[in-house]
Protein backbone atom coordinates (compact mmCIF):
# COMPACT_ATOMS: atom_id res chain seq x y z
CA MET A 1 -84.78 46.55 -58.95
CA LEU A 2 -84.38 46.27 -55.13
CA ILE A 3 -82.06 43.36 -55.28
CA GLY A 4 -79.77 45.06 -57.40
CA LEU A 5 -79.76 48.48 -55.56
CA TYR A 6 -79.25 47.02 -51.80
CA VAL A 7 -78.11 43.64 -52.40
CA GLY A 8 -75.96 43.23 -55.60
CA SER A 9 -74.21 46.07 -55.04
CA SER A 10 -72.89 44.66 -51.65
CA SER A 11 -70.83 42.25 -53.40
CA VAL A 12 -68.97 44.92 -55.39
CA LEU A 13 -69.42 48.24 -53.02
CA TYR A 14 -65.70 48.24 -52.48
CA PRO A 15 -63.76 46.11 -54.64
CA PHE A 16 -60.58 47.60 -54.24
CA PRO A 17 -58.74 48.53 -50.90
CA GLY A 18 -59.01 51.95 -50.08
CA LEU A 19 -61.03 52.57 -53.46
CA ASN A 20 -63.99 54.88 -52.54
CA PHE A 21 -65.96 56.66 -55.42
CA THR A 22 -65.68 60.06 -53.49
CA GLY A 23 -62.35 59.59 -53.42
CA GLU A 24 -61.98 58.92 -49.65
CA SER A 25 -60.18 56.21 -48.39
CA ASN A 26 -62.25 53.48 -47.24
CA LYS A 27 -60.06 50.55 -45.90
CA ALA A 28 -61.53 51.44 -42.45
CA MET A 29 -64.93 50.90 -43.24
CA SER A 30 -64.98 48.38 -45.90
CA PRO A 31 -67.12 45.47 -45.03
CA PRO A 32 -65.57 41.88 -44.72
CA LEU A 33 -67.57 40.69 -47.83
CA PHE A 34 -66.77 36.90 -47.88
CA SER A 35 -67.01 36.24 -44.07
CA PHE A 36 -69.64 34.26 -42.54
CA LYS A 37 -71.08 36.47 -39.99
CA TYR A 38 -71.32 39.25 -43.00
CA ILE A 39 -73.35 36.59 -45.33
CA LEU A 40 -75.65 35.50 -42.35
CA LYS A 41 -76.42 39.17 -41.69
CA MET A 42 -77.60 39.85 -45.38
CA ARG A 43 -79.50 36.38 -45.79
CA SER A 44 -82.87 37.98 -44.02
CA PHE A 45 -82.18 41.20 -46.57
CA VAL A 46 -81.85 39.08 -49.50
CA ARG A 47 -84.56 37.19 -48.79
CA PHE A 48 -87.15 40.11 -47.97
CA PHE A 49 -86.06 42.32 -50.95
CA LEU A 50 -86.64 39.53 -53.64
CA THR A 51 -90.11 38.69 -51.95
CA MET A 52 -91.24 42.43 -52.08
CA ALA A 53 -89.75 42.30 -55.71
CA CYS A 54 -91.34 38.90 -56.98
CA LEU A 55 -94.92 40.20 -55.36
CA LEU A 56 -94.60 43.57 -57.11
CA HIS A 57 -93.63 41.91 -60.26
CA CYS A 58 -96.92 39.10 -60.29
CA THR A 59 -98.88 41.43 -58.82
CA ASN A 60 -98.29 43.59 -62.16
CA ALA A 61 -98.08 40.26 -64.59
CA ARG A 62 -101.19 38.76 -63.80
CA GLY A 63 -103.25 40.16 -60.95
CA ALA A 64 -104.21 38.99 -57.68
CA ASN A 65 -105.61 35.43 -59.15
CA GLY A 66 -101.96 34.79 -60.50
CA ILE A 67 -99.71 35.95 -57.57
CA THR A 68 -99.34 32.41 -56.32
CA ALA A 69 -98.70 30.39 -59.68
CA GLY A 70 -95.98 33.55 -60.54
CA CYS A 71 -94.42 33.48 -57.02
CA ASP A 72 -94.16 29.49 -57.15
CA LYS A 73 -92.39 29.90 -60.76
CA VAL A 74 -89.84 32.36 -59.61
CA SER A 75 -89.26 30.44 -56.35
CA GLN A 76 -88.64 27.33 -57.82
CA GLY A 77 -85.78 29.15 -59.99
CA LEU A 78 -84.08 30.73 -56.98
CA ARG A 79 -83.87 27.34 -55.23
CA THR A 80 -81.03 26.41 -57.69
CA CYS A 81 -78.74 29.03 -56.69
CA SER A 82 -76.06 27.85 -54.24
CA PHE A 83 -75.11 31.35 -52.45
CA LEU A 84 -78.71 31.91 -51.38
CA PRO A 85 -81.01 29.69 -48.67
CA LYS A 86 -82.70 27.16 -50.42
CA ASN A 87 -86.04 28.44 -49.65
CA THR A 88 -85.19 31.82 -50.94
CA PRO A 89 -87.64 33.02 -53.99
CA HIS A 90 -85.29 33.50 -57.36
CA PHE A 91 -86.03 34.55 -60.73
CA SER A 92 -85.66 31.53 -63.05
CA SER A 93 -83.37 31.96 -66.34
CA ASP A 94 -86.29 31.73 -68.62
CA CYS A 95 -87.59 35.13 -67.81
CA SER A 96 -89.99 35.43 -70.97
CA ASP A 97 -92.96 35.41 -69.01
CA CYS A 98 -91.52 37.49 -66.57
CA VAL A 99 -90.75 40.68 -69.14
CA THR A 100 -94.30 40.24 -70.13
CA ALA A 101 -94.98 42.23 -66.75
CA LEU A 102 -93.03 45.10 -67.45
CA LEU A 103 -94.02 46.28 -71.21
CA SER A 104 -94.94 49.35 -70.27
CA LEU A 105 -92.06 51.65 -70.30
CA ARG A 106 -91.98 55.46 -69.28
CA GLY A 107 -92.04 56.18 -72.82
CA GLY A 108 -95.86 56.15 -72.33
CA GLY A 109 -98.84 53.87 -73.34
CA ARG A 110 -97.66 50.28 -74.34
CA ASN A 111 -96.61 50.41 -77.70
CA VAL A 112 -92.90 48.77 -78.41
CA LEU A 113 -90.26 51.15 -78.04
CA LEU A 114 -88.23 48.97 -80.47
CA SER A 115 -89.23 46.04 -83.24
CA ASP A 116 -86.53 43.76 -81.62
CA SER A 117 -87.62 41.93 -78.72
CA SER A 118 -84.52 41.65 -76.73
CA MET A 119 -83.86 44.95 -77.02
CA ASN A 120 -87.63 45.38 -75.33
CA LYS A 121 -86.80 43.56 -72.47
CA PHE A 122 -83.74 45.23 -71.84
CA PHE A 123 -85.40 48.83 -72.08
CA ASN A 124 -88.18 47.35 -69.47
CA VAL A 125 -85.80 45.87 -67.35
CA VAL A 126 -83.42 49.00 -67.00
CA ASP A 127 -86.62 51.37 -67.24
CA LEU A 128 -88.13 49.99 -63.54
CA PHE A 129 -84.37 49.37 -62.30
CA GLY A 130 -83.73 53.21 -62.92
CA THR A 131 -87.45 54.26 -61.30
CA GLY A 132 -85.83 52.59 -58.24
CA LEU A 133 -82.24 53.92 -58.37
CA PHE A 134 -83.76 57.50 -58.63
CA ALA A 135 -86.45 56.92 -56.01
CA PHE A 136 -83.80 55.80 -53.60
CA SER A 137 -81.52 58.61 -54.61
CA GLY A 138 -84.68 61.14 -53.92
CA ALA A 139 -85.29 59.16 -50.87
CA VAL A 140 -81.31 59.38 -49.21
CA THR A 141 -81.40 63.17 -50.21
CA ALA A 142 -84.79 64.03 -48.33
CA ALA A 143 -83.98 62.00 -45.43
CA LYS A 144 -80.58 63.70 -44.77
CA THR A 145 -82.30 67.27 -44.69
CA GLY A 146 -84.43 66.10 -42.15
CA MET A 147 -87.76 64.94 -43.89
CA ASP A 148 -90.40 62.90 -42.22
CA ILE A 149 -91.40 59.32 -43.94
CA MET A 150 -94.05 60.98 -45.83
CA GLY A 151 -91.50 63.91 -47.03
CA VAL A 152 -89.31 61.29 -47.91
CA LEU A 153 -92.16 59.14 -49.95
CA ILE A 154 -92.99 62.44 -52.02
CA VAL A 155 -89.37 63.60 -52.88
CA ALA A 156 -88.41 59.91 -53.70
CA THR A 157 -91.68 59.29 -56.07
CA ILE A 158 -91.07 62.96 -57.98
CA THR A 159 -87.40 62.58 -58.38
CA ALA A 160 -88.17 58.82 -60.04
CA VAL A 161 -90.89 60.07 -62.30
CA GLY A 162 -90.79 63.86 -62.03
CA GLY A 163 -88.71 64.24 -65.42
CA GLY A 164 -91.28 62.00 -67.46
CA THR A 165 -93.97 63.96 -65.68
CA VAL A 166 -92.57 67.37 -66.86
CA ARG A 167 -92.41 65.66 -70.46
CA ASP A 168 -95.68 64.07 -71.12
CA VAL A 169 -97.46 67.42 -69.57
CA LEU A 170 -95.46 69.53 -72.11
CA LEU A 171 -95.97 67.22 -75.06
CA ASP A 172 -99.75 66.63 -74.35
CA SER A 173 -99.56 63.03 -75.00
CA GLY A 174 -102.68 61.95 -72.45
CA THR A 175 -102.24 60.29 -69.54
CA VAL A 176 -98.93 60.87 -67.81
CA PHE A 177 -96.77 57.24 -68.21
CA TRP A 178 -96.88 56.34 -64.33
CA MET A 179 -100.86 56.94 -64.03
CA GLN A 180 -101.10 54.18 -66.95
CA THR A 181 -98.76 51.66 -65.28
CA ALA A 182 -99.26 51.58 -61.16
CA VAL A 183 -96.26 49.97 -60.93
CA TYR A 184 -94.10 52.99 -61.01
CA LEU A 185 -95.97 53.98 -58.01
CA ARG A 186 -95.71 50.61 -56.33
CA ILE A 187 -91.64 50.82 -57.26
CA CYS A 188 -91.18 54.09 -55.55
CA ILE A 189 -93.02 53.95 -52.33
CA THR A 190 -91.49 50.50 -51.55
CA THR A 191 -87.97 51.97 -52.15
CA ALA A 192 -88.52 54.66 -50.28
CA VAL A 193 -89.99 53.00 -47.32
CA LEU A 194 -86.99 50.61 -47.31
CA THR A 195 -84.29 53.37 -47.51
CA PHE A 196 -85.83 55.49 -44.95
CA PHE A 197 -85.79 52.59 -42.59
CA LEU A 198 -82.59 50.28 -43.96
CA TRP A 199 -80.16 52.60 -45.13
CA PRO A 200 -79.03 54.41 -41.85
CA LYS A 201 -78.34 50.78 -40.55
CA LEU A 202 -76.56 49.60 -43.66
CA GLU A 203 -74.20 52.84 -43.55
CA LYS A 204 -73.32 52.64 -40.26
CA GLN A 205 -72.78 48.98 -39.92
CA PHE A 206 -71.35 48.26 -43.30
CA GLY A 207 -70.02 51.68 -44.52
CA TRP A 208 -72.01 51.92 -47.24
CA LYS A 209 -72.57 55.36 -49.24
CA ASP A 210 -74.91 56.49 -51.89
CA SER A 211 -72.28 57.67 -54.00
CA ALA A 212 -70.49 54.27 -54.37
CA LEU A 213 -69.23 53.68 -57.50
CA PRO A 214 -71.77 50.53 -58.42
CA ILE A 215 -74.67 52.65 -57.55
CA CYS A 216 -73.51 55.68 -59.56
CA THR A 217 -72.00 53.39 -62.97
CA ALA A 218 -75.75 51.94 -62.75
CA ASP A 219 -77.30 55.47 -62.54
CA ALA A 220 -74.72 55.93 -65.93
CA LEU A 221 -76.94 53.36 -67.62
CA CYS A 222 -80.10 54.34 -66.30
CA ILE A 223 -79.63 57.85 -67.76
CA GLY A 224 -78.53 56.30 -71.30
CA ALA A 225 -81.70 54.44 -71.46
CA PHE A 226 -84.15 56.87 -70.11
CA SER A 227 -82.66 59.66 -72.71
CA VAL A 228 -83.55 57.31 -75.37
CA ILE A 229 -86.97 56.56 -74.39
CA GLY A 230 -87.75 60.27 -73.79
CA THR A 231 -86.18 60.97 -76.96
CA GLN A 232 -88.56 58.49 -78.95
CA LYS A 233 -91.27 59.37 -77.20
CA ALA A 234 -90.94 62.69 -78.99
CA ILE A 235 -90.14 60.99 -82.29
CA SER A 236 -93.30 59.19 -82.06
CA LEU A 237 -95.56 62.44 -81.82
CA GLY A 238 -94.04 63.89 -84.66
CA MET A 239 -91.56 66.91 -82.97
CA LYS A 240 -89.29 68.52 -84.41
CA PRO A 241 -85.35 67.86 -83.67
CA PRO A 242 -84.64 70.24 -80.86
CA VAL A 243 -87.81 69.01 -79.08
CA GLN A 244 -86.82 65.62 -79.69
CA VAL A 245 -83.10 66.55 -77.52
CA ALA A 246 -85.36 68.27 -74.84
CA CYS A 247 -87.69 65.26 -73.85
CA GLY A 248 -84.63 63.31 -73.61
CA LEU A 249 -83.15 65.60 -71.13
CA MET A 250 -86.12 66.71 -69.51
CA THR A 251 -86.43 62.66 -68.58
CA CYS A 252 -83.26 62.13 -67.03
CA CYS A 253 -82.89 65.41 -65.23
CA PHE A 254 -85.83 67.18 -64.39
CA GLY A 255 -86.84 64.86 -61.56
CA GLY A 256 -83.58 65.38 -59.72
CA ILE A 257 -84.04 69.28 -60.45
CA ILE A 258 -87.10 69.37 -58.86
CA ARG A 259 -85.87 67.37 -55.79
CA ASP A 260 -83.14 69.45 -55.43
CA VAL A 261 -85.49 72.79 -55.21
CA ILE A 262 -87.73 70.98 -52.98
CA CYS A 263 -84.72 69.93 -50.79
CA MET A 264 -83.45 73.49 -50.63
CA GLN A 265 -80.12 72.75 -52.13
CA PRO A 266 -78.62 73.81 -55.29
CA PRO A 267 -79.54 71.59 -58.15
CA ARG A 268 -76.45 69.74 -59.01
CA VAL A 269 -77.24 69.45 -62.93
CA LEU A 270 -77.20 73.13 -63.01
CA TYR A 271 -73.62 73.72 -60.82
CA PRO A 272 -70.16 73.09 -61.70
CA TYR A 273 -69.24 71.98 -58.42
CA ARG A 274 -70.29 68.50 -59.02
CA THR A 275 -69.33 66.24 -61.78
CA LEU A 276 -71.13 66.29 -65.61
CA TYR A 277 -74.45 65.01 -65.07
CA ALA A 278 -77.33 66.86 -67.79
CA THR A 279 -74.10 66.41 -70.73
CA PRO A 280 -74.04 63.03 -71.18
CA PRO A 281 -77.75 62.44 -71.54
CA LEU A 282 -77.80 65.22 -73.96
CA LEU A 283 -75.07 64.09 -75.83
CA GLY A 284 -76.78 60.80 -76.16
CA SER A 285 -80.35 62.44 -77.20
CA ILE A 286 -78.43 64.36 -79.91
CA MET A 287 -76.94 61.12 -81.27
CA TYR A 288 -80.32 59.15 -81.20
CA ALA A 289 -82.51 61.54 -82.60
CA LEU A 290 -79.44 62.21 -85.51
CA LEU A 291 -79.16 58.37 -86.28
CA THR A 292 -82.76 57.83 -86.44
CA SER A 293 -83.70 60.71 -88.99
CA GLN A 294 -79.85 60.83 -90.64
CA THR A 295 -78.77 57.34 -91.15
CA GLY A 296 -79.61 53.84 -92.08
CA LEU A 297 -79.35 52.28 -88.58
CA SER A 298 -82.15 50.39 -87.02
CA MET A 299 -83.92 51.76 -83.91
CA ALA A 300 -82.36 49.25 -82.09
CA GLU A 301 -78.84 50.05 -83.45
CA ALA A 302 -79.45 53.90 -82.86
CA ALA A 303 -80.52 53.09 -79.19
CA LEU A 304 -77.28 50.76 -78.32
CA SER A 305 -75.31 53.80 -79.92
CA SER A 306 -76.64 56.59 -78.12
CA ILE A 307 -76.70 54.56 -74.90
CA LEU A 308 -72.98 53.82 -75.02
CA VAL A 309 -72.05 57.38 -75.72
CA THR A 310 -74.26 58.55 -72.51
CA PHE A 311 -72.80 55.60 -70.31
CA LEU A 312 -68.96 56.24 -70.91
CA THR A 313 -69.52 59.93 -71.05
CA ARG A 314 -70.92 59.84 -67.61
CA VAL A 315 -68.65 57.17 -66.84
CA LEU A 316 -65.80 58.98 -67.65
CA SER A 317 -66.53 61.97 -65.79
CA PHE A 318 -66.35 60.35 -62.45
CA ASN A 319 -63.43 62.22 -60.15
CA SER A 320 -62.84 64.09 -63.37
CA PRO A 321 -61.94 68.11 -62.74
CA ARG A 322 -63.39 69.05 -66.14
CA ARG A 323 -66.45 71.16 -65.94
CA LEU A 324 -68.51 73.13 -68.45
CA PRO A 325 -67.60 76.78 -68.68
CA CYS A 326 -68.80 78.93 -65.66
CA TRP A 327 -67.85 82.63 -64.31
CA GLN A 328 -65.29 82.88 -61.50
CA VAL A 329 -67.87 83.86 -58.88
CA THR A 330 -66.13 85.23 -55.38
CA GLU A 331 -67.43 83.59 -52.34
CA GLY A 332 -69.29 87.00 -51.30
CA GLU A 333 -71.25 86.66 -54.92
CA SER A 334 -72.41 83.42 -54.92
CA ASN A 335 -75.60 82.19 -53.87
CA THR A 336 -75.05 78.16 -53.89
CA GLY A 337 -73.60 78.37 -50.12
CA SER A 338 -71.04 75.86 -51.23
CA LYS A 339 -67.53 75.97 -52.70
CA SER A 340 -67.20 72.64 -52.54
CA VAL A 341 -65.21 70.40 -55.43
CA GLY A 342 -66.94 66.95 -54.98
CA ARG A 343 -65.96 64.80 -57.72
CA VAL A 344 -69.95 62.93 -57.44
């Protein structure tokens, strides 16, 4: 999760000269991705993030007694990678043991979401990666409003798990998911701390942006998976289709809404001055609810189809002028304090 957010995106952050997700030119700040100096500076970051991810993973999988054995196995696998230092830990290609640590989805409990094991692994991985991505978004937003590290920790956690918490409370489904599985809080805290201390340096030194194309594309994949997980949670409790769709939408968007309210800025999903964000998971949730109830498709097929719809709808909205209908409000009547036409 942390690797993909901070390190993996570095190799594709600006894949083409002058291409920036916000529509701005990045020629002046595009880092020399293949320079020796750049690689040396990134090695310490890579080693630290991998070590932290490994520690969190092994602790959740085997407890304190299994940390050493788990980390040894992870470390042994990474030594085969030619682009990393020989002493850097890595995940081996055989991840069957690793995935057993991630069997608790934000859908709540330890019930398997889908019968197909490979799909279950996919949802587990995306679930935890998305938790880190949402925590990163909350941490950046909070820090840029001037909050201290405590505020950043709180807002990052609320952003990452707030939507699922609201859903579980309204469904009265028992203990909230992140209280059943501590790995969510670990991811939120670790991501928030690393973002608070490292992200300003990465922005200044390499010109990285939280609105970069790889980050937003990964976010599109995560909200697709979250919409299916939230919808499935309502289906498993016997809720009616409208409630199923609402649960899918809440899981994706309510954390971000709470974040924006706390940070005293207009919630991005409620205003048309930024690209469509709530609409793609809404369509994905509707599609999943219909496919599981009205067709003979398996749950895996329905889930993949719904994620694809959400992902493509969100990606196609990047830099698109299309918005949902809204009133034409004059500057004097508007209370949002922003007339931005940003595309992110």
